[in-house]
C-alpha cells in the first residue's frame, strides 16, 4: 500500500510541477514586456522546479534533507535572480508596456522638479 501511495503522490507533484512550468512558458509568450515576463517565468518556474524536486523525493527516493535544502535554495535564489534581471532591464531603460486601462506609473523614476528634502 505504501509504494502505491508514494507513486500517486509523486505523480501528482510531477503533474503540478509540469503544469506550473507550462504556465510560466505561456506567460513568457503572452505577456507584453520584460518585467511582466520575468514575473511569470520567475515565480511560476520557481514553484514548478520546487514541486518537481518534491516529486523526486517520492519517485527516486532522494534524501529529505537534501531535497529540503535544494528547495529552500531555489526559493531564495529564484526571486533574487528575477529582481536582479528586472533591475538591470530598468537601468538600461527597456521600455515598459503602456496599457489603455492602467495609467503609466513608474515608482523608480526620479522626480527632478522638486528638490530633495533638506533635513
PDB file of N, CA and C in Angstrom:
ATOM      1  N   UNK A   1       0.826  -1.203   0.000  1.00  0.00           N
ATOM      2  CA  UNK A   1       0.000   0.000   0.000  1.00  0.00           C
ATOM      3  C   UNK A   1       0.864   1.259   0.000  1.00  0.00           C
ATOM      4  N   UNK A   2       1.967   1.239   0.751  1.00  0.00           N
ATOM      5  CA  UNK A   2       2.828   2.417   0.851  1.00  0.00           C
ATOM      6  C   UNK A   2       3.499   2.772  -0.471  1.00  0.00           C
ATOM      7  N   UNK A   3       4.033   1.810  -1.255  1.00  0.00           N
ATOM      8  CA  UNK A   3       4.622   2.196  -2.544  1.00  0.00           C
ATOM      9  C   UNK A   3       3.585   2.783  -3.509  1.00  0.00           C
ATOM     10  N   UNK A   4       2.352   2.308  -3.434  1.00  0.00           N
ATOM     11  CA  UNK A   4       1.314   2.867  -4.289  1.00  0.00           C
ATOM     12  C   UNK A   4       1.018   4.312  -3.906  1.00  0.00           C
ATOM     13  N   UNK A   5       0.978   4.593  -2.605  1.00  0.00           N
ATOM     14  CA  UNK A   5       0.708   5.947  -2.133  1.00  0.00           C
ATOM     15  C   UNK A   5       1.830   6.907  -2.532  1.00  0.00           C
ATOM     16  N   UNK A   6       3.076   6.474  -2.400  1.00  0.00           N
ATOM     17  CA  UNK A   6       4.194   7.338  -2.792  1.00  0.00           C
ATOM     18  C   UNK A   6       4.222   7.550  -4.305  1.00  0.00           C
ATOM     19  N   UNK A   7       3.859   6.543  -5.066  1.00  0.00           N
ATOM     20  CA  UNK A   7       3.809   6.700  -6.524  1.00  0.00           C
ATOM     21  C   UNK A   7       2.719   7.682  -6.934  1.00  0.00           C
ATOM     22  N   UNK A   8       1.573   7.611  -6.282  1.00  0.00           N
ATOM     23  CA  UNK A   8       0.486   8.552  -6.583  1.00  0.00           C
ATOM     24  C   UNK A   8       0.881   9.963  -6.193  1.00  0.00           C
ATOM     25  N   UNK A   9       1.501  10.120  -5.032  1.00  0.00           N
ATOM     26  CA  UNK A   9       1.943  11.443  -4.594  1.00  0.00           C
ATOM     27  C   UNK A   9       3.012  12.010  -5.527  1.00  0.00           C
ATOM     28  N   UNK A  10       3.939  11.169  -5.976  1.00  0.00           N
ATOM     29  CA  UNK A  10       4.961  11.611  -6.926  1.00  0.00           C
ATOM     30  C   UNK A  10       4.317  12.028  -8.247  1.00  0.00           C
ATOM     31  N   UNK A  11       3.327  11.274  -8.713  1.00  0.00           N
ATOM     32  CA  UNK A  11       2.643  11.606  -9.954  1.00  0.00           C
ATOM     33  C   UNK A  11       1.905  12.938  -9.842  1.00  0.00           C
ATOM     34  N   UNK A  12       1.243  13.168  -8.713  1.00  0.00           N
ATOM     35  CA  UNK A  12       0.533  14.434  -8.504  1.00  0.00           C
ATOM     36  C   UNK A  12       1.513  15.606  -8.489  1.00  0.00           C
ATOM     37  N   UNK A  13       2.646  15.441  -7.817  1.00  0.00           N
ATOM     38  CA  UNK A  13       3.649  16.508  -7.784  1.00  0.00           C
ATOM     39  C   UNK A  13       4.277  16.748  -9.155  1.00  0.00           C
ATOM     40  N   UNK A  14       4.492  15.693  -9.921  1.00  0.00           N
ATOM     41  CA  UNK A  14       5.026  15.846 -11.272  1.00  0.00           C
ATOM     42  C   UNK A  14       4.041  16.600 -12.147  1.00  0.00           C
ATOM     43  N   UNK A  15       2.765  16.241 -12.065  1.00  0.00           N
ATOM     44  CA  UNK A  15       1.762  16.942 -12.864  1.00  0.00           C
ATOM     45  C   UNK A  15       1.632  18.403 -12.453  1.00  0.00           C
ATOM     46  N   UNK A  16       1.672  18.680 -11.152  1.00  0.00           N
ATOM     47  CA  UNK A  16       1.570  20.070 -10.679  1.00  0.00           C
ATOM     48  C   UNK A  16       2.803  20.872 -11.090  1.00  0.00           C
ATOM     49  N   UNK A  17       3.989  20.289 -10.968  1.00  0.00           N
ATOM     50  CA  UNK A  17       5.208  20.979 -11.373  1.00  0.00           C
ATOM     51  C   UNK A  17       5.266  21.229 -12.868  1.00  0.00           C
ATOM     52  N   UNK A  18       4.811  20.262 -13.647  1.00  0.00           N
ATOM     53  CA  UNK A  18       4.779  20.437 -15.093  1.00  0.00           C
ATOM     54  C   UNK A  18       3.755  21.491 -15.490  1.00  0.00           C
ATOM     55  N   UNK A  19       2.599  21.485 -14.841  1.00  0.00           N
ATOM     56  CA  UNK A  19       1.580  22.494 -15.130  1.00  0.00           C
ATOM     57  C   UNK A  19       2.087  23.894 -14.784  1.00  0.00           C
ATOM     58  N   UNK A  20       2.779  24.033 -13.681  1.00  0.00           N
ATOM     59  CA  UNK A  20       3.334  25.330 -13.303  1.00  0.00           C
ATOM     60  C   UNK A  20       4.387  25.786 -14.311  1.00  0.00           C
ATOM     61  N   UNK A  21       5.202  24.875 -14.781  1.00  0.00           N
ATOM     62  CA  UNK A  21       6.221  25.229 -15.772  1.00  0.00           C
ATOM     63  C   UNK A  21       5.582  25.626 -17.105  1.00  0.00           C
ATOM     64  N   UNK A  22       4.533  24.933 -17.502  1.00  0.00           N
ATOM     65  CA  UNK A  22       3.828  25.283 -18.739  1.00  0.00           C
ATOM     66  C   UNK A  22       3.187  26.661 -18.611  1.00  0.00           C
ATOM     67  N   UNK A  23       2.629  26.984 -17.448  1.00  0.00           N
ATOM     68  CA  UNK A  23       2.061  28.311 -17.235  1.00  0.00           C
ATOM     69  C   UNK A  23       3.136  29.393 -17.347  1.00  0.00           C
ATOM     70  N   UNK A  24       4.332  29.102 -16.862  1.00  0.00           N
ATOM     71  CA  UNK A  24       5.429  30.054 -16.998  1.00  0.00           C
ATOM     72  C   UNK A  24       5.806  30.275 -18.456  1.00  0.00           C
ATOM     73  N   UNK A  25       5.805  29.229 -19.251  1.00  0.00           N
ATOM     74  CA  UNK A  25       6.113  29.354 -20.675  1.00  0.00           C
ATOM     75  C   UNK A  25       5.026  30.144 -21.392  1.00  0.00           C
ATOM     76  N   UNK A  26       3.759  29.866 -21.075  1.00  0.00           N
ATOM     77  CA  UNK A  26       2.664  30.633 -21.670  1.00  0.00           C
ATOM     78  C   UNK A  26       2.738  32.105 -21.283  1.00  0.00           C
ATOM     79  N   UNK A  27       3.076  32.384 -20.037  1.00  0.00           N
ATOM     80  CA  UNK A  27       3.240  33.764 -19.602  1.00  0.00           C
ATOM     81  C   UNK A  27       4.369  34.457 -20.334  1.00  0.00           C
ATOM     82  N   UNK A  28       5.429  33.734 -20.618  1.00  0.00           N
ATOM     83  CA  UNK A  28       6.558  34.311 -21.344  1.00  0.00           C
ATOM     84  C   UNK A  28       6.136  34.747 -22.749  1.00  0.00           C
ATOM     85  N   UNK A  29       5.331  33.939 -23.408  1.00  0.00           N
ATOM     86  CA  UNK A  29       4.923  34.277 -24.764  1.00  0.00           C
ATOM     87  C   UNK A  29       3.759  35.261 -24.819  1.00  0.00           C
ATOM     88  N   UNK A  30       2.894  35.264 -23.816  1.00  0.00           N
ATOM     89  CA  UNK A  30       1.702  36.111 -23.869  1.00  0.00           C
ATOM     90  C   UNK A  30       1.894  37.512 -23.306  1.00  0.00           C
ATOM     91  N   UNK A  31       2.767  37.688 -22.351  1.00  0.00           N
ATOM     92  CA  UNK A  31       2.880  38.979 -21.669  1.00  0.00           C
ATOM     93  C   UNK A  31       3.716  39.960 -22.494  1.00  0.00           C
ATOM     94  N   UNK A  32       3.453  41.273 -22.352  1.00  0.00           N
ATOM     95  CA  UNK A  32       3.985  42.249 -23.302  1.00  0.00           C
ATOM     96  C   UNK A  32       5.426  42.714 -23.105  1.00  0.00           C
ATOM     97  N   UNK A  33       5.905  42.815 -21.872  1.00  0.00           N
ATOM     98  CA  UNK A  33       7.244  43.381 -21.701  1.00  0.00           C
ATOM     99  C   UNK A  33       8.090  42.497 -20.796  1.00  0.00           C
ATOM    100  N   UNK A  34       9.367  42.879 -20.666  1.00  0.00           N
ATOM    101  CA  UNK A  34      10.325  42.051 -19.943  1.00  0.00           C
ATOM    102  C   UNK A  34       9.970  41.924 -18.462  1.00  0.00           C
ATOM    103  N   UNK A  35       9.367  42.949 -17.885  1.00  0.00           N
ATOM    104  CA  UNK A  35       9.088  42.931 -16.456  1.00  0.00           C
ATOM    105  C   UNK A  35       7.958  41.954 -16.113  1.00  0.00           C
ATOM    106  N   UNK A  36       6.896  41.954 -16.894  1.00  0.00           N
ATOM    107  CA  UNK A  36       5.818  41.002 -16.645  1.00  0.00           C
ATOM    108  C   UNK A  36       6.229  39.584 -17.032  1.00  0.00           C
ATOM    109  N   UNK A  37       7.072  39.465 -18.030  1.00  0.00           N
ATOM    110  CA  UNK A  37       7.572  38.135 -18.399  1.00  0.00           C
ATOM    111  C   UNK A  37       8.454  37.560 -17.294  1.00  0.00           C
ATOM    112  N   UNK A  38       9.265  38.409 -16.684  1.00  0.00           N
ATOM    113  CA  UNK A  38      10.100  37.944 -15.570  1.00  0.00           C
ATOM    114  C   UNK A  38       9.244  37.486 -14.406  1.00  0.00           C
ATOM    115  N   UNK A  39       8.133  38.170 -14.174  1.00  0.00           N
ATOM    116  CA  UNK A  39       7.238  37.766 -13.089  1.00  0.00           C
ATOM    117  C   UNK A  39       6.670  36.376 -13.366  1.00  0.00           C
ATOM    118  N   UNK A  40       6.222  36.160 -14.583  1.00  0.00           N
ATOM    119  CA  UNK A  40       5.624  34.870 -14.929  1.00  0.00           C
ATOM    120  C   UNK A  40       6.642  33.741 -14.870  1.00  0.00           C
ATOM    121  N   UNK A  41       7.769  33.931 -15.507  1.00  0.00           N
ATOM    122  CA  UNK A  41       8.749  32.852 -15.561  1.00  0.00           C
ATOM    123  C   UNK A  41       9.452  32.648 -14.226  1.00  0.00           C
ATOM    124  N   UNK A  42       9.711  33.742 -13.514  1.00  0.00           N
ATOM    125  CA  UNK A  42      10.417  33.615 -12.238  1.00  0.00           C
ATOM    126  C   UNK A  42       9.590  32.938 -11.169  1.00  0.00           C
ATOM    127  N   UNK A  43       8.387  33.427 -10.959  1.00  0.00           N
ATOM    128  CA  UNK A  43       7.568  32.882  -9.887  1.00  0.00           C
ATOM    129  C   UNK A  43       7.067  31.474 -10.206  1.00  0.00           C
ATOM    130  N   UNK A  44       6.511  31.315 -11.379  1.00  0.00           N
ATOM    131  CA  UNK A  44       5.940  30.018 -11.724  1.00  0.00           C
ATOM    132  C   UNK A  44       7.040  28.978 -11.925  1.00  0.00           C
ATOM    133  N   UNK A  45       8.145  29.402 -12.514  1.00  0.00           N
ATOM    134  CA  UNK A  45       9.254  28.471 -12.693  1.00  0.00           C
ATOM    135  C   UNK A  45       9.855  28.017 -11.382  1.00  0.00           C
ATOM    136  N   UNK A  46       9.940  28.922 -10.429  1.00  0.00           N
ATOM    137  CA  UNK A  46      10.483  28.576  -9.118  1.00  0.00           C
ATOM    138  C   UNK A  46       9.608  27.528  -8.434  1.00  0.00           C
ATOM    139  N   UNK A  47       8.322  27.760  -8.443  1.00  0.00           N
ATOM    140  CA  UNK A  47       7.438  26.787  -7.795  1.00  0.00           C
ATOM    141  C   UNK A  47       7.333  25.495  -8.593  1.00  0.00           C
ATOM    142  N   UNK A  48       7.442  25.583  -9.912  1.00  0.00           N
ATOM    143  CA  UNK A  48       7.427  24.367 -10.728  1.00  0.00           C
ATOM    144  C   UNK A  48       8.618  23.475 -10.426  1.00  0.00           C
ATOM    145  N   UNK A  49       9.801  24.072 -10.337  1.00  0.00           N
ATOM    146  CA  UNK A  49      11.003  23.288 -10.029  1.00  0.00           C
ATOM    147  C   UNK A  49      10.937  22.742  -8.606  1.00  0.00           C
ATOM    148  N   UNK A  50      10.421  23.524  -7.671  1.00  0.00           N
ATOM    149  CA  UNK A  50      10.311  23.052  -6.289  1.00  0.00           C
ATOM    150  C   UNK A  50       9.356  21.861  -6.196  1.00  0.00           C
ATOM    151  N   UNK A  51       8.263  21.913  -6.930  1.00  0.00           N
ATOM    152  CA  UNK A  51       7.347  20.766  -6.935  1.00  0.00           C
ATOM    153  C   UNK A  51       7.993  19.538  -7.568  1.00  0.00           C
ATOM    154  N   UNK A  52       8.794  19.737  -8.606  1.00  0.00           N
ATOM    155  CA  UNK A  52       9.478  18.600  -9.229  1.00  0.00           C
ATOM    156  C   UNK A  52      10.560  18.024  -8.318  1.00  0.00           C
ATOM    157  N   UNK A  53      11.197  18.869  -7.522  1.00  0.00           N
ATOM    158  CA  UNK A  53      12.153  18.358  -6.526  1.00  0.00           C
ATOM    159  C   UNK A  53      11.411  17.511  -5.498  1.00  0.00           C
ATOM    160  N   UNK A  54      10.238  17.974  -5.079  1.00  0.00           N
ATOM    161  CA  UNK A  54       9.427  17.180  -4.162  1.00  0.00           C
ATOM    162  C   UNK A  54       9.013  15.851  -4.763  1.00  0.00           C
ATOM    163  N   UNK A  55       8.759  15.841  -6.064  1.00  0.00           N
ATOM    164  CA  UNK A  55       8.384  14.587  -6.730  1.00  0.00           C
ATOM    165  C   UNK A  55       9.548  13.607  -6.768  1.00  0.00           C
ATOM    166  N   UNK A  56      10.772  14.126  -6.902  1.00  0.00           N
ATOM    167  CA  UNK A  56      11.917  13.212  -6.933  1.00  0.00           C
ATOM    168  C   UNK A  56      12.138  12.543  -5.577  1.00  0.00           C
ATOM    169  N   UNK A  57      11.732  13.193  -4.519  1.00  0.00           N
ATOM    170  CA  UNK A  57      11.857  12.569  -3.193  1.00  0.00           C
ATOM    171  C   UNK A  57      11.008  11.310  -3.134  1.00  0.00           C
ATOM    172  N   UNK A  58       9.803  11.404  -3.655  1.00  0.00           N
ATOM    173  CA  UNK A  58       8.905  10.250  -3.596  1.00  0.00           C
ATOM    174  C   UNK A  58       9.180   9.237  -4.701  1.00  0.00           C
ATOM    175  N   UNK A  59       9.556   9.684  -5.888  1.00  0.00           N
ATOM    176  CA  UNK A  59       9.743   8.767  -7.003  1.00  0.00           C
ATOM    177  C   UNK A  59      11.100   8.068  -6.976  1.00  0.00           C
ATOM    178  N   UNK A  60      12.166   8.799  -6.677  1.00  0.00           N
ATOM    179  CA  UNK A  60      13.505   8.230  -6.763  1.00  0.00           C
ATOM    180  C   UNK A  60      14.128   7.950  -5.402  1.00  0.00           C
ATOM    181  N   UNK A  61      13.466   8.344  -4.338  1.00  0.00           N
ATOM    182  CA  UNK A  61      13.985   8.067  -3.011  1.00  0.00           C
ATOM    183  C   UNK A  61      15.141   8.963  -2.606  1.00  0.00           C
ATOM    184  N   UNK A  62      15.157  10.192  -3.081  1.00  0.00           N
ATOM    185  CA  UNK A  62      16.185  11.145  -2.682  1.00  0.00           C
ATOM    186  C   UNK A  62      15.986  11.479  -1.206  1.00  0.00           C
ATOM    187  N   UNK A  63      17.079  11.716  -0.502  1.00  0.00           N
ATOM    188  CA  UNK A  63      17.001  12.002   0.930  1.00  0.00           C
ATOM    189  C   UNK A  63      16.274  13.322   1.177  1.00  0.00           C
ATOM    190  N   UNK A  64      15.426  13.331   2.207  1.00  0.00           N
ATOM    191  CA  UNK A  64      14.649  14.521   2.555  1.00  0.00           C
ATOM    192  C   UNK A  64      15.503  15.749   2.867  1.00  0.00           C
ATOM    193  N   UNK A  65      16.554  15.625   3.662  1.00  0.00           N
ATOM    194  CA  UNK A  65      17.326  16.843   3.974  1.00  0.00           C
ATOM    195  C   UNK A  65      17.931  17.505   2.740  1.00  0.00           C
ATOM    196  N   UNK A  66      18.431  16.704   1.808  1.00  0.00           N
ATOM    197  CA  UNK A  66      18.992  17.270   0.585  1.00  0.00           C
ATOM    198  C   UNK A  66      17.918  17.965  -0.241  1.00  0.00           C
ATOM    199  N   UNK A  67      16.753  17.351  -0.337  1.00  0.00           N
ATOM    200  CA  UNK A  67      15.673  17.933  -1.121  1.00  0.00           C
ATOM    201  C   UNK A  67      15.147  19.214  -0.485  1.00  0.00           C
ATOM    202  N   UNK A  68      15.049  19.241   0.829  1.00  0.00           N
ATOM    203  CA  UNK A  68      14.582  20.453   1.515  1.00  0.00           C
ATOM    204  C   UNK A  68      15.601  21.574   1.342  1.00  0.00           C
ATOM    205  N   UNK A  69      16.883  21.257   1.465  1.00  0.00           N
ATOM    206  CA  UNK A  69      17.919  22.263   1.265  1.00  0.00           C
ATOM    207  C   UNK A  69      17.885  22.804  -0.163  1.00  0.00           C
ATOM    208  N   UNK A  70      17.750  21.926  -1.136  1.00  0.00           N
ATOM    209  CA  UNK A  70      17.682  22.353  -2.526  1.00  0.00           C
ATOM    210  C   UNK A  70      16.443  23.212  -2.777  1.00  0.00           C
ATOM    211  N   UNK A  71      15.296  22.827  -2.227  1.00  0.00           N
ATOM    212  CA  UNK A  71      14.067  23.609  -2.401  1.00  0.00           C
ATOM    213  C   UNK A  71      14.198  24.989  -1.764  1.00  0.00           C
ATOM    214  N   UNK A  72      14.803  25.067  -0.586  1.00  0.00           N
ATOM    215  CA  UNK A  72      14.997  26.364   0.070  1.00  0.00           C
ATOM    216  C   UNK A  72      15.927  27.246  -0.759  1.00  0.00           C
ATOM    217  N   UNK A  73      17.004  26.670  -1.268  1.00  0.00           N
ATOM    218  CA  UNK A  73      17.927  27.448  -2.096  1.00  0.00           C
ATOM    219  C   UNK A  73      17.255  27.939  -3.383  1.00  0.00           C
ATOM    220  N   UNK A  74      16.415  27.110  -3.980  1.00  0.00           N
ATOM    221  CA  UNK A  74      15.684  27.520  -5.186  1.00  0.00           C
ATOM    222  C   UNK A  74      14.704  28.632  -4.848  1.00  0.00           C
ATOM    223  N   UNK A  75      13.992  28.507  -3.726  1.00  0.00           N
ATOM    224  CA  UNK A  75      13.017  29.523  -3.340  1.00  0.00           C
ATOM    225  C   UNK A  75      13.679  30.843  -2.959  1.00  0.00           C
ATOM    226  N   UNK A  76      14.924  30.810  -2.528  1.00  0.00           N
ATOM    227  CA  UNK A  76      15.646  32.048  -2.224  1.00  0.00           C
ATOM    228  C   UNK A  76      16.267  32.631  -3.497  1.00  0.00           C
ATOM    229  N   UNK A  77      16.899  31.795  -4.311  1.00  0.00           N
ATOM    230  CA  UNK A  77      17.634  32.284  -5.476  1.00  0.00           C
ATOM    231  C   UNK A  77      16.723  32.726  -6.617  1.00  0.00           C
ATOM    232  N   UNK A  78      15.577  32.099  -6.785  1.00  0.00           N
ATOM    233  CA  UNK A  78      14.687  32.433  -7.895  1.00  0.00           C
ATOM    234  C   UNK A  78      14.203  33.873  -7.865  1.00  0.00           C
ATOM    235  N   UNK A  79      13.571  34.326  -6.786  1.00  0.00           N
ATOM    236  CA  UNK A  79      13.134  35.726  -6.742  1.00  0.00           C
ATOM    237  C   UNK A  79      14.292  36.722  -6.768  1.00  0.00           C
ATOM    238  N   UNK A  80      15.421  36.375  -6.156  1.00  0.00           N
ATOM    239  CA  UNK A  80      16.584  37.280  -6.189  1.00  0.00           C
ATOM    240  C   UNK A  80      17.100  37.442  -7.613  1.00  0.00           C
ATOM    241  N   UNK A  81      17.138  36.368  -8.365  1.00  0.00           N
ATOM    242  CA  UNK A  81      17.577  36.424  -9.751  1.00  0.00           C
ATOM    243  C   UNK A  81      16.621  37.247 -10.596  1.00  0.00           C
ATOM    244  N   UNK A  82      15.315  37.034 -10.415  1.00  0.00           N
ATOM    245  CA  UNK A  82      14.327  37.816 -11.167  1.00  0.00           C
ATOM    246  C   UNK A  82      14.438  39.301 -10.844  1.00  0.00           C
ATOM    247  N   UNK A  83      14.643  39.611  -9.577  1.00  0.00           N
ATOM    248  CA  UNK A  83      14.787  41.011  -9.186  1.00  0.00           C
ATOM    249  C   UNK A  83      16.037  41.628  -9.808  1.00  0.00           C
ATOM    250  N   UNK A  84      17.139  40.909  -9.815  1.00  0.00           N
ATOM    251  CA  UNK A  84      18.370  41.430 -10.399  1.00  0.00           C
ATOM    252  C   UNK A  84      18.216  41.655 -11.906  1.00  0.00           C
ATOM    253  N   UNK A  85      17.548  40.741 -12.587  1.00  0.00           N
ATOM    254  CA  UNK A  85      17.321  40.911 -14.023  1.00  0.00           C
ATOM    255  C   UNK A  85      16.388  42.082 -14.309  1.00  0.00           C
ATOM    256  N   UNK A  86      15.336  42.243 -13.507  1.00  0.00           N
ATOM    257  CA  UNK A  86      14.413  43.361 -13.699  1.00  0.00           C
ATOM    258  C   UNK A  86      15.105  44.685 -13.411  1.00  0.00           C
ATOM    259  N   UNK A  87      15.941  44.723 -12.396  1.00  0.00           N
ATOM    260  CA  UNK A  87      16.678  45.942 -12.080  1.00  0.00           C
ATOM    261  C   UNK A  87      17.636  46.309 -13.209  1.00  0.00           C
ATOM    262  N   UNK A  88      18.303  45.328 -13.767  1.00  0.00           N
ATOM    263  CA  UNK A  88      19.206  45.590 -14.893  1.00  0.00           C
ATOM    264  C   UNK A  88      18.426  46.047 -16.121  1.00  0.00           C
ATOM    265  N   UNK A  89      17.259  45.445 -16.361  1.00  0.00           N
ATOM    266  CA  UNK A  89      16.436  45.856 -17.502  1.00  0.00           C
ATOM    267  C   UNK A  89      15.936  47.280 -17.331  1.00  0.00           C
ATOM    268  N   UNK A  90      15.610  47.666 -16.106  1.00  0.00           N
ATOM    269  CA  UNK A  90      15.158  49.036 -15.859  1.00  0.00           C
ATOM    270  C   UNK A  90      16.302  50.026 -16.040  1.00  0.00           C
ATOM    271  N   UNK A  91      17.482  49.654 -15.583  1.00  0.00           N
ATOM    272  CA  UNK A  91      18.624  50.566 -15.677  1.00  0.00           C
ATOM    273  C   UNK A  91      19.083  50.800 -17.110  1.00  0.00           C
ATOM    274  N   UNK A  92      18.909  49.814 -17.976  1.00  0.00           N
ATOM    275  CA  UNK A  92      19.263  50.046 -19.382  1.00  0.00           C
ATOM    276  C   UNK A  92      18.067  50.590 -20.162  1.00  0.00           C
ATOM    277  N   UNK A  93      17.028  50.950 -19.433  1.00  0.00           N
ATOM    278  CA  UNK A  93      15.844  51.636 -19.964  1.00  0.00           C
ATOM    279  C   UNK A  93      15.095  50.842 -21.023  1.00  0.00           C
ATOM    280  N   UNK A  94      14.858  49.554 -20.758  1.00  0.00           N
ATOM    281  CA  UNK A  94      13.967  48.794 -21.625  1.00  0.00           C
ATOM    282  C   UNK A  94      12.562  49.347 -21.458  1.00  0.00           C
ATOM    283  N   UNK A  95      11.807  49.440 -22.526  1.00  0.00           N
ATOM    284  CA  UNK A  95      10.508  50.104 -22.429  1.00  0.00           C
ATOM    285  C   UNK A  95       9.489  49.305 -21.617  1.00  0.00           C
ATOM    286  N   UNK A  96       8.685  50.049 -20.861  1.00  0.00           N
ATOM    287  CA  UNK A  96       7.560  49.473 -20.138  1.00  0.00           C
ATOM    288  C   UNK A  96       6.350  49.430 -21.055  1.00  0.00           C
ATOM    289  N   UNK A  97       5.523  48.410 -20.898  1.00  0.00           N
ATOM    290  CA  UNK A  97       4.293  48.331 -21.679  1.00  0.00           C
ATOM    291  C   UNK A  97       3.283  49.323 -21.125  1.00  0.00           C
ATOM    292  N   UNK A  98       2.687  50.094 -21.976  1.00  0.00           N
ATOM    293  CA  UNK A  98       1.676  51.053 -21.560  1.00  0.00           C
ATOM    294  C   UNK A  98       0.308  50.527 -21.979  1.00  0.00           C
ATOM    295  N   UNK A  99      -0.578  50.441 -21.019  1.00  0.00           N
ATOM    296  CA  UNK A  99      -1.915  49.918 -21.257  1.00  0.00           C
ATOM    297  C   UNK A  99      -2.924  51.055 -21.241  1.00  0.00           C
ATOM    298  N   UNK A 100      -3.974  50.906 -22.007  1.00  0.00           N
ATOM    299  CA  UNK A 100      -5.030  51.921 -22.018  1.00  0.00           C
ATOM    300  C   UNK A 100      -5.850  51.874 -20.728  1.00  0.00           C
ATOM    301  N   UNK A 101      -5.923  50.709 -20.115  1.00  0.00           N
ATOM    302  CA  UNK A 101      -6.709  50.574 -18.890  1.00  0.00           C
ATOM    303  C   UNK A 101      -6.006  51.102 -17.667  1.00  0.00           C
ATOM    304  N   UNK A 102      -4.689  51.009 -17.641  1.00  0.00           N
ATOM    305  CA  UNK A 102      -3.934  51.401 -16.463  1.00  0.00           C
ATOM    306  C   UNK A 102      -3.021  52.571 -16.806  1.00  0.00           C
ATOM    307  N   UNK A 103      -3.065  53.636 -16.039  1.00  0.00           N
ATOM    308  CA  UNK A 103      -2.178  54.767 -16.335  1.00  0.00           C
ATOM    309  C   UNK A 103      -0.722  54.394 -16.073  1.00  0.00           C
ATOM    310  N   UNK A 104       0.163  55.098 -16.748  1.00  0.00           N
ATOM    311  CA  UNK A 104       1.595  54.847 -16.582  1.00  0.00           C
ATOM    312  C   UNK A 104       2.030  55.272 -15.182  1.00  0.00           C
ATOM    313  N   UNK A 105       2.704  54.394 -14.495  1.00  0.00           N
ATOM    314  CA  UNK A 105       3.197  54.697 -13.158  1.00  0.00           C
ATOM    315  C   UNK A 105       4.587  54.091 -13.034  1.00  0.00           C
ATOM    316  N   UNK A 106       5.535  54.920 -12.694  1.00  0.00           N
ATOM    317  CA  UNK A 106       6.909  54.467 -12.544  1.00  0.00           C
ATOM    318  C   UNK A 106       7.416  54.946 -11.190  1.00  0.00           C
ATOM    319  N   UNK A 107       7.402  54.072 -10.213  1.00  0.00           N
ATOM    320  CA  UNK A 107       7.805  54.442  -8.861  1.00  0.00           C
ATOM    321  C   UNK A 107       9.310  54.647  -8.725  1.00  0.00           C
ATOM    322  N   UNK A 108      10.081  54.146  -9.652  1.00  0.00           N
ATOM    323  CA  UNK A 108      11.535  54.264  -9.559  1.00  0.00           C
ATOM    324  C   UNK A 108      12.083  55.498 -10.260  1.00  0.00           C
ATOM    325  N   UNK A 109      11.240  56.152 -11.034  1.00  0.00           N
ATOM    326  CA  UNK A 109      11.685  57.323 -11.773  1.00  0.00           C
ATOM    327  C   UNK A 109      11.981  58.475 -10.814  1.00  0.00           C
ATOM    328  N   UNK A 110      13.101  59.137 -11.015  1.00  0.00           N
ATOM    329  CA  UNK A 110      13.495  60.267 -10.172  1.00  0.00           C
ATOM    330  C   UNK A 110      12.658  61.488 -10.534  1.00  0.00           C
ATOM    331  N   UNK A 111      12.127  62.154  -9.536  1.00  0.00           N
ATOM    332  CA  UNK A 111      11.401  63.395  -9.764  1.00  0.00           C
ATOM    333  C   UNK A 111      12.408  64.539  -9.693  1.00  0.00           C
ATOM    334  N   UNK A 112      12.697  65.135 -10.828  1.00  0.00           N
ATOM    335  CA  UNK A 112      13.715  66.185 -10.871  1.00  0.00           C
ATOM    336  C   UNK A 112      13.128  67.576 -10.708  1.00  0.00           C
ATOM    337  N   UNK A 113      11.795  67.679 -10.601  1.00  0.00           N
ATOM    338  CA  UNK A 113      11.187  69.012 -10.492  1.00  0.00           C
ATOM    339  C   UNK A 113      11.232  69.552  -9.075  1.00  0.00           C
ATOM    340  N   UNK A 114      11.269  68.694  -8.078  1.00  0.00           N
ATOM    341  CA  UNK A 114      11.283  69.174  -6.685  1.00  0.00           C
ATOM    342  C   UNK A 114      12.637  68.856  -6.076  1.00  0.00           C
ATOM    343  N   UNK A 115      13.166  69.754  -5.283  1.00  0.00           N
ATOM    344  CA  UNK A 115      14.467  69.483  -4.643  1.00  0.00           C
ATOM    345  C   UNK A 115      14.313  68.421  -3.566  1.00  0.00           C
ATOM    346  N   UNK A 116      15.378  67.683  -3.273  1.00  0.00           N
ATOM    347  CA  UNK A 116      15.311  66.678  -2.212  1.00  0.00           C
ATOM    348  C   UNK A 116      15.077  67.327  -0.854  1.00  0.00           C
ATOM    349  N   UNK A 117      14.508  66.561   0.047  1.00  0.00           N
ATOM    350  CA  UNK A 117      14.203  67.056   1.404  1.00  0.00           C
ATOM    351  C   UNK A 117      15.510  67.358   2.123  1.00  0.00           C
ATOM    352  N   UNK A 118      15.661  68.574   2.589  1.00  0.00           N
ATOM    353  CA  UNK A 118      16.874  69.000   3.290  1.00  0.00           C
ATOM    354  C   UNK A 118      16.620  68.964   4.784  1.00  0.00           C
ATOM    355  N   UNK A 119      17.053  67.928   5.440  1.00  0.00           N
ATOM    356  CA  UNK A 119      16.854  67.836   6.891  1.00  0.00           C
ATOM    357  C   UNK A 119      18.167  67.944   7.619  1.00  0.00           C
TER     358      UNK A 119
END
